[in-house]
Amino acid sequence: MSSLLTTEICVVGAGPAGLRAAIACRDMGAHVTLVDSGAHLGGQLVKQTHKFFGSRGQFAGMRGIDIARLLSNEIMNDPLVDVLCDSQVVGFYSDGTLAIEKDNRLIFLKPERVICATGASERMLSFPNNDLPGVYGAGAAQTLMNLYGVRPGNAVLMIGAGNIGLIVSYQLLQAGVPVVAVIEAMPHVGGYDVHARKIQRAGIPILTSHTIRAAYGTQVVEGAAVCGLDSEFRPVFDSLRYFEVDTICLAVGLTPLTELLWQADCQMAYVPELGGYTPLRDENYETTRPGLFVAGDLAGIEEASSAMIEGTVAGLSAAKSLGYVTDDSEEKLNRAKAELEALRQGPTGAKVRQGVAKIMTFGEGDEDN
């Protein structure tokens, strides 16, 4: 076995939540080890070329790729932060030791506190031939285009009219890839109007109350059949339409990546409003396992702005639990919590508010673990 390394706080995941958590811990004076499976820091930010909404404190008006660069520069070469890229946390042992796979070997790290910010994975849909080459998650198509400069196809059908589906549709157009239509099972568009109007002005139809019935092709995708849905979400077969496409992108939601939390024996609850199984936690984002904090999509699917604030709350709270206190740390913590609450106001935040209320109020006998 490799020798056991130690650190004060290990942050798992270097997306928007993890980066802000590491910065908050560093600002409090704590030593941080930041572990991420990617080659670069930033997580999903490194492929987001659109400008962010929200508050100035959460980089409104900046593009995700620029936010990733700005946050990464905050901690690179900082003596209080050790960064491990191309590294995967594969084990969370009962004594708190983490097993980290890097360069085909295992590193064992024993932190005093852990902040999990592992993000989420894309959901898939079940339909005939959904395993044909040419069926992508929308995030995978975005990665091909914005990270590697590869066009995923020549004609795309987008499934899902949430923010991800709308944004990636526009980015496909920017890459010179036609999008024949965006279809959405719900009777309304789930994403922001500004994104929907942008692609509609470009001539892309958005078909609500529609779903994909099947993909067609022998070796690769050559087309897709789509049909309407009635008010009970039952297929309307006389509405069947066929699109000649070589690419089908699925933007049908995200699921928190909770594998490490199950290993850590955190109490979990299934909360549909937050994307699936999520950990029970308190207002400081500490889970039922003392010393283990969460932030970002792992704590419930939201926007990147919310993830960054959650990272700040978790980072400040984890450092505080180790005895690190600054003159303004309590003020920073209260301000971050207030900003997060404000961000969730209004009709767009109703679902998240419902989910958060559930995760904070589950009784001892109500959780699945």
Foldseek 3Di string as FASTA:
>chain_A
DDDEAEFAEEEEAQALLSLLLVLLLVVLPGAYEYEYLAPAGHPLLCLWQDADPDDVVLRGRDGSNVVRVVSVVSPVPPPRYHYHYNKDFDAQAQQRWTWIDDPNDTHIYRYNFYEYAPAWDADDDDAAPCVAQQEEALSVQSCCCRVVNHHSFAEEEEEAQAPSSLSSQVVNVVSVHHYQEYEELAQDRRYDPVSVVVVVVVVHYYHYQKDWHYFDDDRFGQKTKMAGADPVRHGDVVRIDMDGTRHYYYRPDIAAPCVRVVNNVFWWAAQVLQHGIAFQAALLQATPRPRYGYFASNRGDDDSSLRNLNSSSNSLVSSVVVVRDDPCSVVSNVVSSVSNVVVLDDPSNPSVVVRNVCSHDQDPPRTDD
